[in-house]
Amino acid sequence: MWSDDRHLSIPAGAATAPAARIAGRIPVKGFLSIERLSKAYVPAKPVFADVSFTIDKGEFVCVIGHSGCGKTTILNVIAGLDTATSGDAIMDGKEITGPSLDRGVVFQGHALMPWLTVRQNVAFAIKSRWPEWRAAQVNEQVEKFVTMVGLPHAIDKKPSELSGGMKQRVGIARAFSIQPKMLLLDEPFGALDALTRGTIQDELMAIVQDTHQTVFMITHDVDEAILLADRILLMSNGSETPAGYVPGGIAEVVNNPLPRDRKRADLHHLPGYYELRNHIVDFLVKRARAGH
């Protein structure tokens, strides 16, 4: 009902049949193209293999899977912070070979420099992006994005003076301030309490809709994925089967059929919400091991 195989370069169902995935290379097109990506620490037992998907410009895609399936590794490859054992990652027609300011990253930890204020933390990123800018231009950009995440009152405070949620807002402001072609989010709200997480989810959704930002996000929260994502990639873990080891990979691509202007408070009232949620939870409980 929700599955979308158009953004996979492999046939439907091939995620549980590695031999079928190997036959023939089918080009993948999109703003971001991940083509037959594999990562192995032990050669005979790759964590994941033949992972292929695309993300269109302006699209918000979440990936869900159990710990150890390789979600963060894929994000790090896209960020240029890690390398795959095989396969290609291509963004905007160029192969990703290392870090770039074209890709903004927000990690689960805020990663702020503790000796700098909010203003200085965000300004550091902006100066890296546009070293030729005058101080007034930098400051204008800082204030624009700090205000966008609701922190103008805290702009001259240091991280030690901020709550966990405020620190994550600064991280988001810093990532958006360099106007990246793509935003990468690695469970950025995982350490926050439920109320703070919900508030920042709403703010992120509003900013993304306003800026038409392309986003790839890792989450363990099914409701978060349903709220934010246009599509949800369901990843399986590698596992031993009677026929031998089967690597993990993208088992299914789920289209989100809910209205794009959905709100967190109204999510559970929307027709189709529970069916979609149950489908994803069923996958995580019963089908998240490769070969199942």
C-alpha atoms as a PDB file:
ATOM      1  CA  MET A   1       0.000   0.000   0.000  1.00  0.00           C
ATOM      2  CA  TRP A   2       2.745   2.441   0.949  1.00  0.00           C
ATOM      3  CA  SER A   3       5.793   0.812  -0.613  1.00  0.00           C
ATOM      4  CA  ASP A   4       7.639   2.781  -3.271  1.00  0.00           C
ATOM      5  CA  ASP A   5      10.191   0.972  -5.390  1.00  0.00           C
ATOM      6  CA  ARG A   6      10.766   3.867  -7.797  1.00  0.00           C
ATOM      7  CA  HIS A   7      13.618   5.183  -5.667  1.00  0.00           C
ATOM      8  CA  LEU A   8      15.352   1.812  -5.430  1.00  0.00           C
ATOM      9  CA  SER A   9      17.682   0.539  -8.093  1.00  0.00           C
ATOM     10  CA  ILE A  10      16.764  -3.051  -7.260  1.00  0.00           C
ATOM     11  CA  PRO A  11      13.567  -4.983  -7.865  1.00  0.00           C
ATOM     12  CA  ALA A  12      10.869  -5.081  -5.195  1.00  0.00           C
ATOM     13  CA  GLY A  13      11.538  -7.856  -2.711  1.00  0.00           C
ATOM     14  CA  ALA A  14      15.211  -8.085  -3.591  1.00  0.00           C
ATOM     15  CA  ALA A  15      16.234  -6.789  -0.167  1.00  0.00           C
ATOM     16  CA  THR A  16      15.889 -10.342   1.148  1.00  0.00           C
ATOM     17  CA  ALA A  17      17.541 -11.979  -1.852  1.00  0.00           C
ATOM     18  CA  PRO A  18      21.176 -10.871  -2.181  1.00  0.00           C
ATOM     19  CA  ALA A  19      21.841 -12.920  -5.311  1.00  0.00           C
ATOM     20  CA  ALA A  20      19.021 -11.147  -7.114  1.00  0.00           C
ATOM     21  CA  ARG A  21      20.510  -7.768  -6.223  1.00  0.00           C
ATOM     22  CA  ILE A  22      23.828  -8.497  -7.871  1.00  0.00           C
ATOM     23  CA  ALA A  23      22.480  -9.056 -11.372  1.00  0.00           C
ATOM     24  CA  GLY A  24      22.951  -5.945 -13.493  1.00  0.00           C
ATOM     25  CA  ARG A  25      23.667  -2.356 -12.544  1.00  0.00           C
ATOM     26  CA  ILE A  26      20.668  -0.083 -12.990  1.00  0.00           C
ATOM     27  CA  PRO A  27      21.540   3.625 -12.841  1.00  0.00           C
ATOM     28  CA  VAL A  28      19.934   5.624 -10.043  1.00  0.00           C
ATOM     29  CA  LYS A  29      18.866   9.197 -10.653  1.00  0.00           C
ATOM     30  CA  GLY A  30      18.092  11.889  -8.084  1.00  0.00           C
ATOM     31  CA  PHE A  31      19.585  14.854  -6.272  1.00  0.00           C
ATOM     32  CA  LEU A  32      21.256  12.304  -3.991  1.00  0.00           C
ATOM     33  CA  SER A  33      21.983   8.866  -5.422  1.00  0.00           C
ATOM     34  CA  ILE A  34      23.210   5.984  -3.303  1.00  0.00           C
ATOM     35  CA  GLU A  35      24.243   3.137  -5.572  1.00  0.00           C
ATOM     36  CA  ARG A  36      24.970  -0.413  -4.367  1.00  0.00           C
ATOM     37  CA  LEU A  37      26.586   0.779  -1.153  1.00  0.00           C
ATOM     38  CA  SER A  38      28.171  -1.874   1.071  1.00  0.00           C
ATOM     39  CA  LYS A  39      30.135  -1.771   4.319  1.00  0.00           C
ATOM     40  CA  ALA A  40      32.078  -4.708   5.708  1.00  0.00           C
ATOM     41  CA  TYR A  41      34.363  -4.928   8.718  1.00  0.00           C
ATOM     42  CA  VAL A  42      34.546  -8.701   8.217  1.00  0.00           C
ATOM     43  CA  PRO A  43      34.753  -9.410   4.458  1.00  0.00           C
ATOM     44  CA  ALA A  44      32.397 -12.384   4.479  1.00  0.00           C
ATOM     45  CA  LYS A  45      29.801 -10.647   6.634  1.00  0.00           C
ATOM     46  CA  PRO A  46      29.050  -7.086   5.494  1.00  0.00           C
ATOM     47  CA  VAL A  47      26.897  -5.017   7.832  1.00  0.00           C
ATOM     48  CA  PHE A  48      24.827  -4.032   4.803  1.00  0.00           C
ATOM     49  CA  ALA A  49      25.174  -4.651   1.098  1.00  0.00           C
ATOM     50  CA  ASP A  50      23.805  -3.336  -2.197  1.00  0.00           C
ATOM     51  CA  VAL A  51      22.006  -0.400  -0.583  1.00  0.00           C
ATOM     52  CA  SER A  52      20.522   1.801  -3.314  1.00  0.00           C
ATOM     53  CA  PHE A  53      18.102   4.702  -3.038  1.00  0.00           C
ATOM     54  CA  THR A  54      17.648   8.267  -4.183  1.00  0.00           C
ATOM     55  CA  ILE A  55      16.477  11.482  -2.573  1.00  0.00           C
ATOM     56  CA  ASP A  56      14.927  14.230  -4.659  1.00  0.00           C
ATOM     57  CA  LYS A  57      15.673  17.891  -4.088  1.00  0.00           C
ATOM     58  CA  GLY A  58      13.480  19.319  -1.345  1.00  0.00           C
ATOM     59  CA  GLU A  59      12.521  15.878  -0.059  1.00  0.00           C
ATOM     60  CA  PHE A  60      12.617  14.798   3.601  1.00  0.00           C
ATOM     61  CA  VAL A  61      13.613  11.150   4.013  1.00  0.00           C
ATOM     62  CA  CYS A  62      13.934   9.246   7.290  1.00  0.00           C
ATOM     63  CA  VAL A  63      15.606   5.898   7.843  1.00  0.00           C
ATOM     64  CA  ILE A  64      14.488   3.557  10.613  1.00  0.00           C
ATOM     65  CA  GLY A  65      16.075   0.313  11.738  1.00  0.00           C
ATOM     66  CA  HIS A  66      17.445  -1.440  14.776  1.00  0.00           C
ATOM     67  CA  SER A  67      20.860  -0.581  16.210  1.00  0.00           C
ATOM     68  CA  GLY A  68      23.675  -2.117  14.214  1.00  0.00           C
ATOM     69  CA  CYS A  69      21.931  -2.112  10.832  1.00  0.00           C
ATOM     70  CA  GLY A  70      24.253   0.582   9.458  1.00  0.00           C
ATOM     71  CA  LYS A  71      22.055   3.700   9.465  1.00  0.00           C
ATOM     72  CA  THR A  72      24.713   5.997  10.886  1.00  0.00           C
ATOM     73  CA  THR A  73      27.370   4.527   8.611  1.00  0.00           C
ATOM     74  CA  ILE A  74      25.267   5.441   5.574  1.00  0.00           C
ATOM     75  CA  LEU A  75      24.764   8.974   6.928  1.00  0.00           C
ATOM     76  CA  ASN A  76      28.499   9.300   7.592  1.00  0.00           C
ATOM     77  CA  VAL A  77      29.283   8.184   4.035  1.00  0.00           C
ATOM     78  CA  ILE A  78      26.899  10.856   2.718  1.00  0.00           C
ATOM     79  CA  ALA A  79      28.532  13.394   5.037  1.00  0.00           C
ATOM     80  CA  GLY A  80      31.962  12.387   3.748  1.00  0.00           C
ATOM     81  CA  LEU A  81      33.058  11.305   7.229  1.00  0.00           C
ATOM     82  CA  ASP A  82      33.346   7.603   6.389  1.00  0.00           C
ATOM     83  CA  THR A  83      33.945   5.475   3.332  1.00  0.00           C
ATOM     84  CA  ALA A  84      31.978   2.517   2.035  1.00  0.00           C
ATOM     85  CA  THR A  85      33.588  -0.805   1.206  1.00  0.00           C
ATOM     86  CA  SER A  86      31.982  -0.592  -2.212  1.00  0.00           C
ATOM     87  CA  GLY A  87      29.382   1.453  -4.037  1.00  0.00           C
ATOM     88  CA  ASP A  88      28.904   5.131  -4.800  1.00  0.00           C
ATOM     89  CA  ALA A  89      27.355   8.177  -3.154  1.00  0.00           C
ATOM     90  CA  ILE A  90      26.593  10.999  -5.597  1.00  0.00           C
ATOM     91  CA  MET A  91      25.059  14.367  -4.731  1.00  0.00           C
ATOM     92  CA  ASP A  92      24.083  16.950  -7.319  1.00  0.00           C
ATOM     93  CA  GLY A  93      25.997  15.048  -9.974  1.00  0.00           C
ATOM     94  CA  LYS A  94      29.271  14.861  -8.011  1.00  0.00           C
ATOM     95  CA  GLU A  95      30.736  11.876  -6.196  1.00  0.00           C
ATOM     96  CA  ILE A  96      31.053  12.364  -2.444  1.00  0.00           C
ATOM     97  CA  THR A  97      34.703  11.883  -1.511  1.00  0.00           C
ATOM     98  CA  GLY A  98      34.984  13.818   1.760  1.00  0.00           C
ATOM     99  CA  PRO A  99      33.350  16.432   4.003  1.00  0.00           C
ATOM    100  CA  SER A 100      31.859  19.512   2.377  1.00  0.00           C
ATOM    101  CA  LEU A 101      29.993  22.612   3.475  1.00  0.00           C
ATOM    102  CA  ASP A 102      27.383  21.598   0.895  1.00  0.00           C
ATOM    103  CA  ARG A 103      26.204  19.106   3.522  1.00  0.00           C
ATOM    104  CA  GLY A 104      25.236  20.313   6.992  1.00  0.00           C
ATOM    105  CA  VAL A 105      25.240  17.749   9.813  1.00  0.00           C
ATOM    106  CA  VAL A 106      23.414  17.793  13.155  1.00  0.00           C
ATOM    107  CA  PHE A 107      24.496  15.011  15.509  1.00  0.00           C
ATOM    108  CA  GLN A 108      22.752  13.591  18.558  1.00  0.00           C
ATOM    109  CA  GLY A 109      25.233  15.512  20.675  1.00  0.00           C
ATOM    110  CA  HIS A 110      25.131  19.253  20.067  1.00  0.00           C
ATOM    111  CA  ALA A 111      28.886  19.461  19.222  1.00  0.00           C
ATOM    112  CA  LEU A 112      29.093  23.136  20.193  1.00  0.00           C
ATOM    113  CA  MET A 113      32.384  24.743  21.149  1.00  0.00           C
ATOM    114  CA  PRO A 114      31.906  25.394  24.872  1.00  0.00           C
ATOM    115  CA  TRP A 115      34.178  28.460  25.032  1.00  0.00           C
ATOM    116  CA  LEU A 116      32.148  30.297  22.376  1.00  0.00           C
ATOM    117  CA  THR A 117      28.755  31.955  22.672  1.00  0.00           C
ATOM    118  CA  VAL A 118      25.765  30.979  20.541  1.00  0.00           C
ATOM    119  CA  ARG A 119      26.564  33.898  18.247  1.00  0.00           C
ATOM    120  CA  GLN A 120      30.201  32.846  17.929  1.00  0.00           C
ATOM    121  CA  ASN A 121      29.399  29.162  17.367  1.00  0.00           C
ATOM    122  CA  VAL A 122      27.089  29.954  14.476  1.00  0.00           C
ATOM    123  CA  ALA A 123      29.411  32.659  13.141  1.00  0.00           C
ATOM    124  CA  PHE A 124      32.300  30.179  13.035  1.00  0.00           C
ATOM    125  CA  ALA A 125      30.378  28.031  10.535  1.00  0.00           C
ATOM    126  CA  ILE A 126      29.316  31.033   8.459  1.00  0.00           C
ATOM    127  CA  LYS A 127      32.886  32.356   8.241  1.00  0.00           C
ATOM    128  CA  SER A 128      34.037  28.915   7.102  1.00  0.00           C
ATOM    129  CA  ARG A 129      31.425  28.987   4.349  1.00  0.00           C
ATOM    130  CA  TRP A 130      31.939  32.597   3.260  1.00  0.00           C
ATOM    131  CA  PRO A 131      35.405  33.755   4.436  1.00  0.00           C
ATOM    132  CA  GLU A 132      35.118  36.901   2.324  1.00  0.00           C
ATOM    133  CA  TRP A 133      32.030  38.182   4.175  1.00  0.00           C
ATOM    134  CA  ARG A 134      32.271  41.328   6.280  1.00  0.00           C
ATOM    135  CA  ALA A 135      31.483  41.160  10.005  1.00  0.00           C
ATOM    136  CA  ALA A 136      28.120  42.844   9.484  1.00  0.00           C
ATOM    137  CA  GLN A 137      27.082  40.232   6.903  1.00  0.00           C
ATOM    138  CA  VAL A 138      28.114  37.393   9.198  1.00  0.00           C
ATOM    139  CA  ASN A 139      26.228  38.876  12.129  1.00  0.00           C
ATOM    140  CA  GLU A 140      23.097  39.391  10.036  1.00  0.00           C
ATOM    141  CA  GLN A 141      23.179  35.731   8.967  1.00  0.00           C
ATOM    142  CA  VAL A 142      23.751  34.599  12.562  1.00  0.00           C
ATOM    143  CA  GLU A 143      20.828  36.590  13.901  1.00  0.00           C
ATOM    144  CA  LYS A 144      18.531  35.415  11.110  1.00  0.00           C
ATOM    145  CA  PHE A 145      18.993  31.729  11.877  1.00  0.00           C
ATOM    146  CA  VAL A 146      19.246  32.011  15.647  1.00  0.00           C
ATOM    147  CA  THR A 147      15.921  33.859  15.531  1.00  0.00           C
ATOM    148  CA  MET A 148      14.520  31.171  13.239  1.00  0.00           C
ATOM    149  CA  VAL A 149      15.044  28.560  15.984  1.00  0.00           C
ATOM    150  CA  GLY A 150      13.610  30.861  18.648  1.00  0.00           C
ATOM    151  CA  LEU A 151      16.787  31.782  20.538  1.00  0.00           C
ATOM    152  CA  PRO A 152      17.410  35.523  20.011  1.00  0.00           C
ATOM    153  CA  HIS A 153      17.337  36.033  23.795  1.00  0.00           C
ATOM    154  CA  ALA A 154      20.188  33.530  24.251  1.00  0.00           C
ATOM    155  CA  ILE A 155      22.425  34.619  21.388  1.00  0.00           C
ATOM    156  CA  ASP A 156      25.249  35.829  23.626  1.00  0.00           C
ATOM    157  CA  LYS A 157      25.124  32.933  26.100  1.00  0.00           C
ATOM    158  CA  LYS A 158      27.601  30.063  26.206  1.00  0.00           C
ATOM    159  CA  PRO A 159      26.508  26.409  25.907  1.00  0.00           C
ATOM    160  CA  SER A 160      26.893  25.864  29.664  1.00  0.00           C
ATOM    161  CA  GLU A 161      24.069  28.368  30.163  1.00  0.00           C
ATOM    162  CA  LEU A 162      21.670  26.539  27.806  1.00  0.00           C
ATOM    163  CA  SER A 163      19.330  23.598  28.263  1.00  0.00           C
ATOM    164  CA  GLY A 164      19.729  20.459  26.143  1.00  0.00           C
ATOM    165  CA  GLY A 165      16.929  21.535  23.839  1.00  0.00           C
ATOM    166  CA  MET A 166      18.434  24.997  23.379  1.00  0.00           C
ATOM    167  CA  LYS A 167      21.807  23.479  22.493  1.00  0.00           C
ATOM    168  CA  GLN A 168      20.196  21.344  19.815  1.00  0.00           C
ATOM    169  CA  ARG A 169      18.434  24.425  18.449  1.00  0.00           C
ATOM    170  CA  VAL A 170      21.816  26.104  18.127  1.00  0.00           C
ATOM    171  CA  GLY A 171      23.121  23.056  16.267  1.00  0.00           C
ATOM    172  CA  ILE A 172      20.184  23.264  13.874  1.00  0.00           C
ATOM    173  CA  ALA A 173      20.685  27.011  13.404  1.00  0.00           C
ATOM    174  CA  ARG A 174      24.376  26.463  12.672  1.00  0.00           C
ATOM    175  CA  ALA A 175      23.602  23.770  10.095  1.00  0.00           C
ATOM    176  CA  PHE A 176      20.960  25.878   8.321  1.00  0.00           C
ATOM    177  CA  SER A 177      23.054  29.054   8.469  1.00  0.00           C
ATOM    178  CA  ILE A 178      25.569  27.784   5.887  1.00  0.00           C
ATOM    179  CA  GLN A 179      22.657  27.100   3.509  1.00  0.00           C
ATOM    180  CA  PRO A 180      23.763  23.550   2.686  1.00  0.00           C
ATOM    181  CA  LYS A 181      22.428  21.705  -0.326  1.00  0.00           C
ATOM    182  CA  MET A 182      21.522  18.870   2.030  1.00  0.00           C
ATOM    183  CA  LEU A 183      20.920  18.551   5.768  1.00  0.00           C
ATOM    184  CA  LEU A 184      21.932  15.342   7.556  1.00  0.00           C
ATOM    185  CA  LEU A 185      20.376  14.621  10.959  1.00  0.00           C
ATOM    186  CA  ASP A 186      21.680  11.765  13.117  1.00  0.00           C
ATOM    187  CA  GLU A 187      19.031  11.265  15.810  1.00  0.00           C
ATOM    188  CA  PRO A 188      19.322  14.925  16.809  1.00  0.00           C
ATOM    189  CA  PHE A 189      16.468  14.767  19.340  1.00  0.00           C
ATOM    190  CA  GLY A 190      17.173  11.346  20.847  1.00  0.00           C
ATOM    191  CA  ALA A 191      18.556  12.672  24.144  1.00  0.00           C
ATOM    192  CA  LEU A 192      15.775  15.217  24.719  1.00  0.00           C
ATOM    193  CA  ASP A 193      12.674  14.858  26.850  1.00  0.00           C
ATOM    194  CA  ALA A 194       9.385  14.216  25.030  1.00  0.00           C
ATOM    195  CA  LEU A 195       7.979  17.744  25.382  1.00  0.00           C
ATOM    196  CA  THR A 196      11.163  19.454  24.188  1.00  0.00           C
ATOM    197  CA  ARG A 197      11.570  16.952  21.358  1.00  0.00           C
ATOM    198  CA  GLY A 198       8.038  17.596  20.158  1.00  0.00           C
ATOM    199  CA  THR A 199       8.504  21.361  20.179  1.00  0.00           C
ATOM    200  CA  ILE A 200      11.745  21.173  18.181  1.00  0.00           C
ATOM    201  CA  GLN A 201      10.178  18.714  15.725  1.00  0.00           C
ATOM    202  CA  ASP A 202       7.494  21.294  14.991  1.00  0.00           C
ATOM    203  CA  GLU A 203      10.108  24.028  14.576  1.00  0.00           C
ATOM    204  CA  LEU A 204      12.232  21.868  12.281  1.00  0.00           C
ATOM    205  CA  MET A 205       9.235  20.988  10.136  1.00  0.00           C
ATOM    206  CA  ALA A 206       8.311  24.666   9.766  1.00  0.00           C
ATOM    207  CA  ILE A 207      11.883  25.658   8.815  1.00  0.00           C
ATOM    208  CA  VAL A 208      12.196  22.834   6.277  1.00  0.00           C
ATOM    209  CA  GLN A 209       8.909  23.766   4.653  1.00  0.00           C
ATOM    210  CA  ASP A 210       9.965  27.418   4.528  1.00  0.00           C
ATOM    211  CA  THR A 211      13.443  26.739   3.090  1.00  0.00           C
ATOM    212  CA  HIS A 212      12.600  23.666   0.950  1.00  0.00           C
ATOM    213  CA  GLN A 213      15.660  21.994   2.458  1.00  0.00           C
ATOM    214  CA  THR A 214      16.627  18.471   1.380  1.00  0.00           C
ATOM    215  CA  VAL A 215      16.938  16.292   4.494  1.00  0.00           C
ATOM    216  CA  PHE A 216      18.185  12.796   5.336  1.00  0.00           C
ATOM    217  CA  MET A 217      17.452  11.859   8.947  1.00  0.00           C
ATOM    218  CA  ILE A 218      18.097   8.875  11.181  1.00  0.00           C
ATOM    219  CA  THR A 219      15.549   8.156  13.899  1.00  0.00           C
ATOM    220  CA  HIS A 220      14.351   5.341  16.136  1.00  0.00           C
ATOM    221  CA  ASP A 221      11.060   7.152  16.739  1.00  0.00           C
ATOM    222  CA  VAL A 222       8.274   5.890  14.464  1.00  0.00           C
ATOM    223  CA  ASP A 223       6.002   8.860  15.177  1.00  0.00           C
ATOM    224  CA  GLU A 224       8.858  11.277  14.472  1.00  0.00           C
ATOM    225  CA  ALA A 225       9.410   9.671  11.069  1.00  0.00           C
ATOM    226  CA  ILE A 226       5.700   9.785  10.255  1.00  0.00           C
ATOM    227  CA  LEU A 227       5.503  13.452  11.276  1.00  0.00           C
ATOM    228  CA  LEU A 228       8.558  14.672   9.383  1.00  0.00           C
ATOM    229  CA  ALA A 229       9.258  12.409   6.425  1.00  0.00           C
ATOM    230  CA  ASP A 230       7.949  12.272   2.879  1.00  0.00           C
ATOM    231  CA  ARG A 231       9.376   8.761   2.631  1.00  0.00           C
ATOM    232  CA  ILE A 232      10.671   6.301   5.223  1.00  0.00           C
ATOM    233  CA  LEU A 233      13.429   3.771   4.498  1.00  0.00           C
ATOM    234  CA  LEU A 234      13.087   0.586   6.550  1.00  0.00           C
ATOM    235  CA  MET A 235      16.461  -1.072   7.151  1.00  0.00           C
ATOM    236  CA  SER A 236      17.059  -4.689   8.075  1.00  0.00           C
ATOM    237  CA  ASN A 237      19.931  -6.044  10.146  1.00  0.00           C
ATOM    238  CA  GLY A 238      22.309  -8.659   8.826  1.00  0.00           C
ATOM    239  CA  SER A 239      21.547 -12.150  10.146  1.00  0.00           C
ATOM    240  CA  GLU A 240      22.482 -15.796   9.952  1.00  0.00           C
ATOM    241  CA  THR A 241      19.954 -17.962   8.110  1.00  0.00           C
ATOM    242  CA  PRO A 242      19.873 -21.686   7.261  1.00  0.00           C
ATOM    243  CA  ALA A 243      21.157 -20.707   3.808  1.00  0.00           C
ATOM    244  CA  GLY A 244      24.021 -18.667   5.273  1.00  0.00           C
ATOM    245  CA  TYR A 245      24.666 -15.071   6.289  1.00  0.00           C
ATOM    246  CA  VAL A 246      22.413 -12.415   4.751  1.00  0.00           C
ATOM    247  CA  PRO A 247      23.630  -8.786   5.004  1.00  0.00           C
ATOM    248  CA  GLY A 248      21.352  -5.977   6.051  1.00  0.00           C
ATOM    249  CA  GLY A 249      19.979  -3.389   3.670  1.00  0.00           C
ATOM    250  CA  ILE A 250      16.959  -1.366   2.633  1.00  0.00           C
ATOM    251  CA  ALA A 251      14.089  -3.814   3.026  1.00  0.00           C
ATOM    252  CA  GLU A 252      11.294  -1.432   2.078  1.00  0.00           C
ATOM    253  CA  VAL A 253      10.659   2.165   1.078  1.00  0.00           C
ATOM    254  CA  VAL A 254       7.437   3.537   2.559  1.00  0.00           C
ATOM    255  CA  ASN A 255       5.604   6.533   1.128  1.00  0.00           C
ATOM    256  CA  ASN A 256       3.960   8.782   3.712  1.00  0.00           C
ATOM    257  CA  PRO A 257       0.367   9.326   2.498  1.00  0.00           C
ATOM    258  CA  LEU A 258      -0.592  11.804   5.231  1.00  0.00           C
ATOM    259  CA  PRO A 259      -1.140  15.495   4.340  1.00  0.00           C
ATOM    260  CA  ARG A 260       2.133  17.445   4.142  1.00  0.00           C
ATOM    261  CA  ASP A 261       0.802  20.206   6.400  1.00  0.00           C
ATOM    262  CA  ARG A 262       0.223  17.714   9.232  1.00  0.00           C
ATOM    263  CA  LYS A 263       0.743  18.852  12.825  1.00  0.00           C
ATOM    264  CA  ARG A 264       2.107  16.790  15.678  1.00  0.00           C
ATOM    265  CA  ALA A 265      -0.916  17.452  17.897  1.00  0.00           C
ATOM    266  CA  ASP A 266      -3.324  16.227  15.217  1.00  0.00           C
ATOM    267  CA  LEU A 267      -1.278  13.353  13.836  1.00  0.00           C
ATOM    268  CA  HIS A 268      -3.185  10.553  15.552  1.00  0.00           C
ATOM    269  CA  HIS A 269      -6.504  11.922  14.261  1.00  0.00           C
ATOM    270  CA  LEU A 270      -5.522  11.685  10.594  1.00  0.00           C
ATOM    271  CA  PRO A 271      -7.068   8.887   8.508  1.00  0.00           C
ATOM    272  CA  GLY A 272      -4.440   6.276   7.728  1.00  0.00           C
ATOM    273  CA  TYR A 273      -2.124   7.208  10.597  1.00  0.00           C
ATOM    274  CA  TYR A 274      -2.598   4.045  12.646  1.00  0.00           C
ATOM    275  CA  GLU A 275      -2.383   1.788   9.605  1.00  0.00           C
ATOM    276  CA  LEU A 276       0.906   3.430   8.600  1.00  0.00           C
ATOM    277  CA  ARG A 277       2.296   3.294  12.132  1.00  0.00           C
ATOM    278  CA  ASN A 278       1.296  -0.328  12.591  1.00  0.00           C
ATOM    279  CA  HIS A 279       2.933  -1.246   9.276  1.00  0.00           C
ATOM    280  CA  ILE A 280       6.273   0.245  10.369  1.00  0.00           C
ATOM    281  CA  VAL A 281       6.093  -1.209  13.890  1.00  0.00           C
ATOM    282  CA  ASP A 282       5.228  -4.615  12.431  1.00  0.00           C
ATOM    283  CA  PHE A 283       8.343  -4.427  10.277  1.00  0.00           C
ATOM    284  CA  LEU A 284      10.548  -3.527  13.244  1.00  0.00           C
ATOM    285  CA  VAL A 285       9.116  -6.307  15.407  1.00  0.00           C
ATOM    286  CA  LYS A 286       8.764  -9.122  12.876  1.00  0.00           C
ATOM    287  CA  ARG A 287      10.711  -8.422   9.694  1.00  0.00           C
ATOM    288  CA  ALA A 288      13.746  -6.298  10.550  1.00  0.00           C
ATOM    289  CA  ARG A 289      16.245  -9.125  10.239  1.00  0.00           C
ATOM    290  CA  ALA A 290      17.511  -9.818   6.721  1.00  0.00           C
ATOM    291  CA  GLY A 291      16.143 -13.052   5.309  1.00  0.00           C
ATOM    292  CA  HIS A 292      12.842 -12.738   7.196  1.00  0.00           C
END
